[in-house]
């Protein structure tokens, strides 16, 4: 399997910008797909995004950053 930090970032950006596309890819992606050494933040962002999208919550960049920060992550 190919791992790319940049692709992880693009996927997260796409989900933030187009959250309605999540059901199309949900069966193909998990938190384990975030593999790079620098992806603790990416993996956390994905988990928060997934949780919100599966609960049909509206989530913008500010709420996302607050939730990630509340988990002890910093940027």
N, C-alpha and C. Protein backbone atom coordinates (compact mmCIF):
# COMPACT_ATOMS: atom_id res chain seq x y z
N UNK A 1 0.84 -1.17 0.00
CA UNK A 1 0.00 0.00 0.00
C UNK A 1 0.89 1.24 0.00
N UNK A 2 0.46 2.25 -0.71
CA UNK A 2 1.20 3.50 -0.80
C UNK A 2 0.66 4.48 0.23
N UNK A 3 1.57 5.09 0.97
CA UNK A 3 1.17 6.08 1.97
C UNK A 3 1.73 7.44 1.58
N UNK A 4 0.92 8.46 1.72
CA UNK A 4 1.35 9.80 1.36
C UNK A 4 0.70 10.81 2.31
N UNK A 5 1.54 11.55 2.98
CA UNK A 5 1.07 12.60 3.90
C UNK A 5 0.23 13.62 3.14
N UNK A 6 0.69 13.98 1.94
CA UNK A 6 -0.03 14.97 1.14
C UNK A 6 -1.41 14.45 0.73
N UNK A 7 -1.50 13.18 0.36
CA UNK A 7 -2.80 12.62 0.01
C UNK A 7 -3.74 12.59 1.21
N UNK A 8 -3.20 12.30 2.38
CA UNK A 8 -4.01 12.34 3.59
C UNK A 8 -4.60 13.73 3.79
N UNK A 9 -3.76 14.74 3.62
CA UNK A 9 -4.22 16.11 3.77
C UNK A 9 -5.28 16.47 2.73
N UNK A 10 -5.09 16.02 1.50
CA UNK A 10 -6.08 16.30 0.45
C UNK A 10 -7.40 15.61 0.74
N UNK A 11 -7.35 14.39 1.24
CA UNK A 11 -8.57 13.68 1.59
C UNK A 11 -9.33 14.43 2.69
N UNK A 12 -8.63 14.84 3.73
CA UNK A 12 -9.27 15.57 4.82
C UNK A 12 -9.85 16.89 4.33
N UNK A 13 -9.11 17.60 3.51
CA UNK A 13 -9.60 18.86 2.97
C UNK A 13 -10.85 18.64 2.13
N UNK A 14 -10.85 17.57 1.33
CA UNK A 14 -12.03 17.25 0.53
C UNK A 14 -13.24 16.93 1.38
N UNK A 15 -13.03 16.19 2.47
CA UNK A 15 -14.15 15.86 3.35
C UNK A 15 -14.67 17.10 4.08
N UNK A 16 -13.78 18.01 4.42
CA UNK A 16 -14.22 19.24 5.07
C UNK A 16 -15.01 20.10 4.09
N UNK A 17 -14.53 20.18 2.86
CA UNK A 17 -15.18 21.03 1.87
C UNK A 17 -16.45 20.38 1.30
N UNK A 18 -16.42 19.06 1.14
CA UNK A 18 -17.55 18.33 0.54
C UNK A 18 -17.98 17.18 1.46
N UNK A 19 -18.54 17.49 2.61
CA UNK A 19 -18.91 16.43 3.56
C UNK A 19 -19.96 15.46 3.01
N UNK A 20 -20.73 15.89 2.02
CA UNK A 20 -21.75 15.01 1.44
C UNK A 20 -21.12 13.85 0.66
N UNK A 21 -19.83 13.92 0.38
CA UNK A 21 -19.16 12.83 -0.33
C UNK A 21 -18.71 11.70 0.60
N UNK A 22 -18.79 11.90 1.90
CA UNK A 22 -18.33 10.88 2.85
C UNK A 22 -19.00 9.52 2.65
N UNK A 23 -20.32 9.44 2.47
CA UNK A 23 -20.93 8.11 2.29
C UNK A 23 -20.37 7.35 1.09
N UNK A 24 -19.87 8.05 0.10
CA UNK A 24 -19.32 7.39 -1.09
C UNK A 24 -18.00 6.69 -0.81
N UNK A 25 -17.26 7.17 0.17
CA UNK A 25 -15.94 6.59 0.46
C UNK A 25 -15.87 5.89 1.81
N UNK A 26 -16.91 5.98 2.61
CA UNK A 26 -16.88 5.47 3.99
C UNK A 26 -16.48 4.00 4.06
N UNK A 27 -16.89 3.21 3.11
CA UNK A 27 -16.58 1.78 3.15
C UNK A 27 -15.13 1.48 2.78
N UNK A 28 -14.42 2.48 2.24
CA UNK A 28 -13.07 2.24 1.74
C UNK A 28 -11.96 2.85 2.58
N UNK A 29 -12.32 3.61 3.62
CA UNK A 29 -11.28 4.30 4.38
C UNK A 29 -11.54 4.17 5.89
N UNK A 30 -10.47 3.96 6.62
CA UNK A 30 -10.54 3.89 8.08
C UNK A 30 -9.40 4.72 8.66
N UNK A 31 -9.39 4.84 9.96
CA UNK A 31 -8.31 5.60 10.61
C UNK A 31 -6.96 4.93 10.40
N UNK A 32 -6.97 3.63 10.14
CA UNK A 32 -5.71 2.91 9.91
C UNK A 32 -5.05 3.27 8.59
N UNK A 33 -5.79 3.94 7.71
CA UNK A 33 -5.22 4.38 6.44
C UNK A 33 -4.34 5.60 6.60
N UNK A 34 -4.34 6.21 7.76
CA UNK A 34 -3.48 7.35 8.04
C UNK A 34 -2.24 6.81 8.73
N UNK A 35 -1.17 6.67 7.95
CA UNK A 35 -0.03 5.88 8.35
C UNK A 35 1.25 6.67 8.61
N UNK A 36 1.42 7.77 7.92
CA UNK A 36 2.67 8.52 7.99
C UNK A 36 3.04 8.87 9.42
N UNK A 37 4.32 9.02 9.68
CA UNK A 37 4.80 9.37 11.02
C UNK A 37 4.22 10.69 11.50
N UNK A 38 3.88 11.56 10.58
CA UNK A 38 3.37 12.89 10.93
C UNK A 38 1.85 12.93 11.01
N UNK A 39 1.20 11.78 11.05
CA UNK A 39 -0.25 11.78 10.89
C UNK A 39 -1.05 11.63 12.17
N UNK A 40 -0.46 11.81 13.30
CA UNK A 40 -1.27 11.74 14.52
C UNK A 40 -2.36 12.79 14.45
N UNK A 41 -2.04 13.94 13.93
CA UNK A 41 -3.04 14.99 13.77
C UNK A 41 -4.04 14.60 12.70
N UNK A 42 -3.54 14.10 11.55
CA UNK A 42 -4.44 13.71 10.47
C UNK A 42 -5.40 12.60 10.91
N UNK A 43 -4.88 11.63 11.62
CA UNK A 43 -5.72 10.53 12.09
C UNK A 43 -6.79 11.04 13.05
N UNK A 44 -6.41 11.95 13.93
CA UNK A 44 -7.36 12.53 14.88
C UNK A 44 -8.42 13.35 14.15
N UNK A 45 -7.99 14.17 13.19
CA UNK A 45 -8.94 14.95 12.41
C UNK A 45 -9.92 14.04 11.70
N UNK A 46 -9.43 12.96 11.11
CA UNK A 46 -10.31 12.03 10.41
C UNK A 46 -11.32 11.42 11.38
N UNK A 47 -10.87 11.01 12.54
CA UNK A 47 -11.79 10.40 13.52
C UNK A 47 -12.88 11.38 13.95
N UNK A 48 -12.51 12.62 14.19
CA UNK A 48 -13.49 13.63 14.58
C UNK A 48 -14.45 13.90 13.43
N UNK A 49 -13.91 14.02 12.22
CA UNK A 49 -14.76 14.23 11.04
C UNK A 49 -15.73 13.07 10.86
N UNK A 50 -15.20 11.86 10.91
CA UNK A 50 -16.04 10.67 10.71
C UNK A 50 -17.17 10.61 11.74
N UNK A 51 -16.83 10.85 12.98
CA UNK A 51 -17.84 10.82 14.04
C UNK A 51 -18.94 11.85 13.78
N UNK A 52 -18.56 13.05 13.39
CA UNK A 52 -19.54 14.10 13.12
C UNK A 52 -20.38 13.80 11.89
N UNK A 53 -19.73 13.33 10.83
CA UNK A 53 -20.45 13.03 9.60
C UNK A 53 -21.42 11.87 9.78
N UNK A 54 -21.01 10.86 10.53
CA UNK A 54 -21.90 9.72 10.76
C UNK A 54 -23.07 10.08 11.66
N UNK A 55 -22.90 11.13 12.47
CA UNK A 55 -23.98 11.61 13.33
C UNK A 55 -24.80 12.71 12.64
N UNK A 56 -24.49 12.96 11.37
CA UNK A 56 -25.17 13.99 10.56
C UNK A 56 -25.09 15.38 11.19
N UNK A 57 -23.98 15.65 11.86
CA UNK A 57 -23.75 16.97 12.44
C UNK A 57 -23.13 17.90 11.40
N UNK A 58 -23.46 19.16 11.52
CA UNK A 58 -22.81 20.16 10.67
C UNK A 58 -21.51 20.54 11.36
N UNK A 59 -20.43 20.44 10.63
CA UNK A 59 -19.12 20.69 11.22
C UNK A 59 -18.32 21.60 10.30
N UNK A 60 -17.92 22.75 10.80
CA UNK A 60 -17.07 23.64 10.02
C UNK A 60 -15.65 23.60 10.57
N UNK A 61 -14.77 24.36 9.95
CA UNK A 61 -13.36 24.32 10.33
C UNK A 61 -13.13 24.74 11.78
N UNK A 62 -13.90 25.71 12.26
CA UNK A 62 -13.73 26.20 13.63
C UNK A 62 -14.14 25.13 14.63
N UNK A 63 -15.31 24.52 14.43
CA UNK A 63 -15.75 23.46 15.33
C UNK A 63 -14.80 22.27 15.29
N UNK A 64 -14.34 21.94 14.10
CA UNK A 64 -13.39 20.83 13.96
C UNK A 64 -12.12 21.11 14.74
N UNK A 65 -11.57 22.30 14.60
CA UNK A 65 -10.34 22.62 15.33
C UNK A 65 -10.56 22.64 16.84
N UNK A 66 -11.72 23.11 17.29
CA UNK A 66 -12.02 23.10 18.72
C UNK A 66 -12.11 21.67 19.25
N UNK A 67 -12.74 20.79 18.50
CA UNK A 67 -12.86 19.39 18.96
C UNK A 67 -11.51 18.69 18.99
N UNK A 68 -10.69 18.95 17.98
CA UNK A 68 -9.36 18.34 17.95
C UNK A 68 -8.53 18.88 19.10
N UNK A 69 -8.61 20.18 19.34
CA UNK A 69 -7.86 20.80 20.43
C UNK A 69 -8.31 20.25 21.78
N UNK A 70 -9.61 19.99 21.93
CA UNK A 70 -10.12 19.45 23.20
C UNK A 70 -9.59 18.04 23.47
N UNK A 71 -9.10 17.37 22.42
CA UNK A 71 -8.51 16.05 22.59
C UNK A 71 -7.03 16.11 22.93
N UNK A 72 -6.53 17.34 23.07
CA UNK A 72 -5.12 17.50 23.48
C UNK A 72 -4.17 17.66 22.33
N UNK A 73 -4.67 17.80 21.10
CA UNK A 73 -3.79 17.99 19.95
C UNK A 73 -3.57 19.47 19.75
N UNK A 74 -2.39 19.83 19.31
CA UNK A 74 -2.10 21.22 18.98
C UNK A 74 -1.48 21.26 17.60
N UNK A 75 -1.61 22.40 16.99
CA UNK A 75 -1.10 22.56 15.62
C UNK A 75 0.14 23.41 15.62
